[in-house]
Amino acid sequence: MSRITPTLWFDDRGEEAARFYVSVFPNSGITRITRYTGAGPRPEGAVMTVDFTLDGQPYTALNGGPEFTFNEAISLSVSCADQREVDHYWAALSEGGEEGPCGWLKDRFGLSWQVVPKEMEELLADEDRERAGRAMAAMLKMGKLDVAALRAAADGA
């Protein structure tokens, strides 16, 4: 059975990033580390790849060099059950990084994340398009998303 595994390109901090990510998410861990050989292109013994899982989803961190860097064209989205989870993941992932608008942030490695309460997803999909529009307007004014404020805006309060 084939599996799709996202590969995240780092200059040389893939192992550090993977260890950080698995410390943040439950049901996570490092599954394998490979190292460059004398054939190169990086120094022999340097970490080449780190296979890891985040809450059961496999990823690979590749120390490929400085040629490519992250940008907002790709992000990882964390669907949060409640405000407590939003607060937890926002604080952990933004530490040393950069907070952005609408629930987006960049972590200390430059990877973009969306920290999203499930309730926001439900509000934006509401069949009452005016209610969904009020929730969207409120979200567009936020950095870290506030579940109670989104709900209040959707309800017209």
Protein backbone atom coordinates (compact mmCIF):
# COMPACT_ATOMS: atom_id res chain seq x y z
CA MET A 1 0.00 0.00 0.00
CA SER A 2 1.48 3.35 -1.00
CA ARG A 3 1.46 6.31 1.33
CA ILE A 4 1.96 9.97 0.65
CA THR A 5 4.53 11.48 2.99
CA PRO A 6 5.16 15.24 2.94
CA THR A 7 8.87 16.05 2.86
CA LEU A 8 9.97 19.30 4.48
CA TRP A 9 13.22 20.79 3.16
CA PHE A 10 15.53 22.32 5.75
CA ASP A 11 19.03 23.69 5.36
CA ASP A 12 20.57 21.71 8.21
CA ARG A 13 18.05 21.84 11.11
CA GLY A 14 15.73 18.99 10.11
CA GLU A 15 16.47 16.86 13.15
CA GLU A 16 16.04 19.82 15.51
CA ALA A 17 12.74 20.70 13.85
CA ALA A 18 11.44 17.12 13.92
CA ARG A 19 12.33 16.76 17.60
CA PHE A 20 10.53 20.02 18.36
CA TYR A 21 7.40 19.03 16.40
CA VAL A 22 7.12 15.60 18.04
CA SER A 23 7.38 17.30 21.45
CA VAL A 24 4.34 19.47 20.61
CA PHE A 25 1.90 16.89 19.23
CA PRO A 26 0.52 13.72 20.87
CA ASN A 27 0.95 10.32 19.20
CA SER A 28 4.20 11.51 17.61
CA GLY A 29 7.77 10.31 17.36
CA ILE A 30 10.97 9.98 15.37
CA THR A 31 10.95 6.75 13.37
CA ARG A 32 14.28 6.87 11.48
CA ILE A 33 17.32 9.04 10.91
CA THR A 34 19.57 8.61 7.88
CA ARG A 35 22.98 10.17 7.43
CA TYR A 36 25.00 11.35 4.46
CA THR A 37 27.76 9.01 3.32
CA GLY A 38 31.13 9.91 1.89
CA ALA A 39 29.41 10.19 -1.50
CA GLY A 40 28.03 13.59 -0.38
CA PRO A 41 26.75 16.10 -1.18
CA ARG A 42 26.82 17.09 2.51
CA PRO A 43 29.53 16.15 5.04
CA GLU A 44 29.79 12.45 5.82
CA GLY A 45 27.80 11.59 8.96
CA ALA A 46 25.61 14.69 8.81
CA VAL A 47 21.89 14.04 9.19
CA MET A 48 20.27 13.66 5.76
CA THR A 49 16.66 12.74 6.61
CA VAL A 50 14.52 12.35 9.68
CA ASP A 51 11.32 10.33 9.36
CA PHE A 52 8.77 11.26 12.00
CA THR A 53 5.06 11.20 12.72
CA LEU A 54 2.85 13.98 14.04
CA ASP A 55 -0.32 12.62 15.59
CA GLY A 56 0.02 9.55 13.37
CA GLN A 57 0.73 11.44 10.08
CA PRO A 58 4.15 10.61 8.58
CA TYR A 59 6.60 13.33 7.53
CA THR A 60 10.20 13.46 6.41
CA ALA A 61 12.60 16.29 7.22
CA LEU A 62 15.37 16.58 4.63
CA ASN A 63 18.55 18.52 5.32
CA GLY A 64 19.03 19.51 1.71
CA GLY A 65 20.94 22.76 2.03
CA PRO A 66 20.12 26.46 1.76
CA GLU A 67 18.83 26.39 -1.84
CA PHE A 68 15.13 26.31 -0.86
CA THR A 69 13.23 27.89 2.00
CA PHE A 70 9.66 27.73 3.24
CA ASN A 71 7.00 30.24 2.24
CA GLU A 72 3.27 30.58 2.79
CA ALA A 73 2.45 28.61 -0.36
CA ILE A 74 2.47 25.52 1.87
CA SER A 75 1.27 25.30 5.45
CA LEU A 76 0.27 22.68 7.97
CA SER A 77 -3.19 23.08 9.47
CA VAL A 78 -3.94 22.04 13.04
CA SER A 79 -7.66 21.41 13.62
CA CYS A 80 -8.30 22.19 17.29
CA ALA A 81 -11.20 20.88 19.38
CA ASP A 82 -11.50 24.02 21.51
CA GLN A 83 -9.86 27.26 22.65
CA ARG A 84 -7.57 25.39 25.04
CA GLU A 85 -6.03 23.51 22.11
CA VAL A 86 -5.81 26.68 20.01
CA ASP A 87 -3.96 28.40 22.86
CA HIS A 88 -1.62 25.42 23.37
CA TYR A 89 -0.63 24.96 19.73
CA TRP A 90 -0.43 28.70 19.06
CA ALA A 91 1.93 29.26 22.01
CA ALA A 92 4.12 26.24 21.25
CA LEU A 93 4.43 26.73 17.49
CA SER A 94 4.83 30.52 17.50
CA GLU A 95 7.56 30.55 20.18
CA GLY A 96 10.65 31.94 18.48
CA GLY A 97 8.66 32.37 15.28
CA GLU A 98 6.26 34.95 13.92
CA GLU A 99 2.55 35.39 14.60
CA GLY A 100 0.45 36.19 11.57
CA PRO A 101 -3.16 37.06 10.72
CA CYS A 102 -6.23 34.82 10.62
CA GLY A 103 -4.81 31.95 12.67
CA TRP A 104 -1.56 31.71 10.68
CA LEU A 105 1.94 31.70 12.13
CA LYS A 106 5.48 30.80 11.16
CA ASP A 107 7.43 28.63 13.56
CA ARG A 108 11.10 29.18 14.46
CA PHE A 109 12.11 27.14 11.40
CA GLY A 110 10.04 29.28 8.99
CA LEU A 111 7.31 26.67 8.40
CA SER A 112 3.79 28.13 8.18
CA TRP A 113 0.98 26.72 10.30
CA GLN A 114 -2.74 27.38 10.55
CA VAL A 115 -4.12 26.87 14.06
CA VAL A 116 -7.86 26.52 13.50
CA PRO A 117 -10.70 25.71 15.90
CA LYS A 118 -13.11 23.13 14.45
CA GLU A 119 -15.94 25.48 15.35
CA MET A 120 -14.57 28.10 12.94
CA GLU A 121 -14.66 25.57 10.13
CA GLU A 122 -18.30 24.86 11.00
CA LEU A 123 -19.17 28.58 11.21
CA LEU A 124 -17.65 29.31 7.80
CA ALA A 125 -19.61 26.42 6.28
CA ASP A 126 -22.91 27.55 7.87
CA GLU A 127 -25.82 27.45 5.41
CA ASP A 128 -26.83 30.89 6.72
CA ARG A 129 -24.36 32.82 4.56
CA GLU A 130 -24.82 36.05 6.55
CA ARG A 131 -23.85 34.20 9.74
CA ALA A 132 -20.84 32.70 7.94
CA GLY A 133 -19.94 36.16 6.63
CA ARG A 134 -19.95 37.66 10.12
CA ALA A 135 -17.67 34.88 11.34
CA MET A 136 -15.35 35.45 8.36
CA ALA A 137 -15.23 39.21 8.98
CA ALA A 138 -14.30 38.59 12.62
CA MET A 139 -11.64 36.06 11.69
CA LEU A 140 -9.99 38.47 9.27
CA LYS A 141 -9.34 40.89 12.16
CA MET A 142 -7.68 38.29 14.42
CA GLY A 143 -4.20 36.89 14.84
CA LYS A 144 -4.69 33.89 17.11
CA LEU A 145 -8.30 32.78 16.65
CA ASP A 146 -10.74 33.33 19.52
CA VAL A 147 -13.56 30.77 19.49
CA ALA A 148 -15.92 32.78 21.71
CA ALA A 149 -15.42 35.95 19.66
CA LEU A 150 -16.00 34.04 16.40
CA ARG A 151 -19.19 32.53 17.78
CA ALA A 152 -20.40 35.90 19.07
CA ALA A 153 -19.71 37.57 15.72
CA ALA A 154 -21.54 34.81 13.84
CA ASP A 155 -24.52 35.22 16.19
CA GLY A 156 -24.53 38.97 15.59
CA ALA A 157 -23.61 39.84 19.18
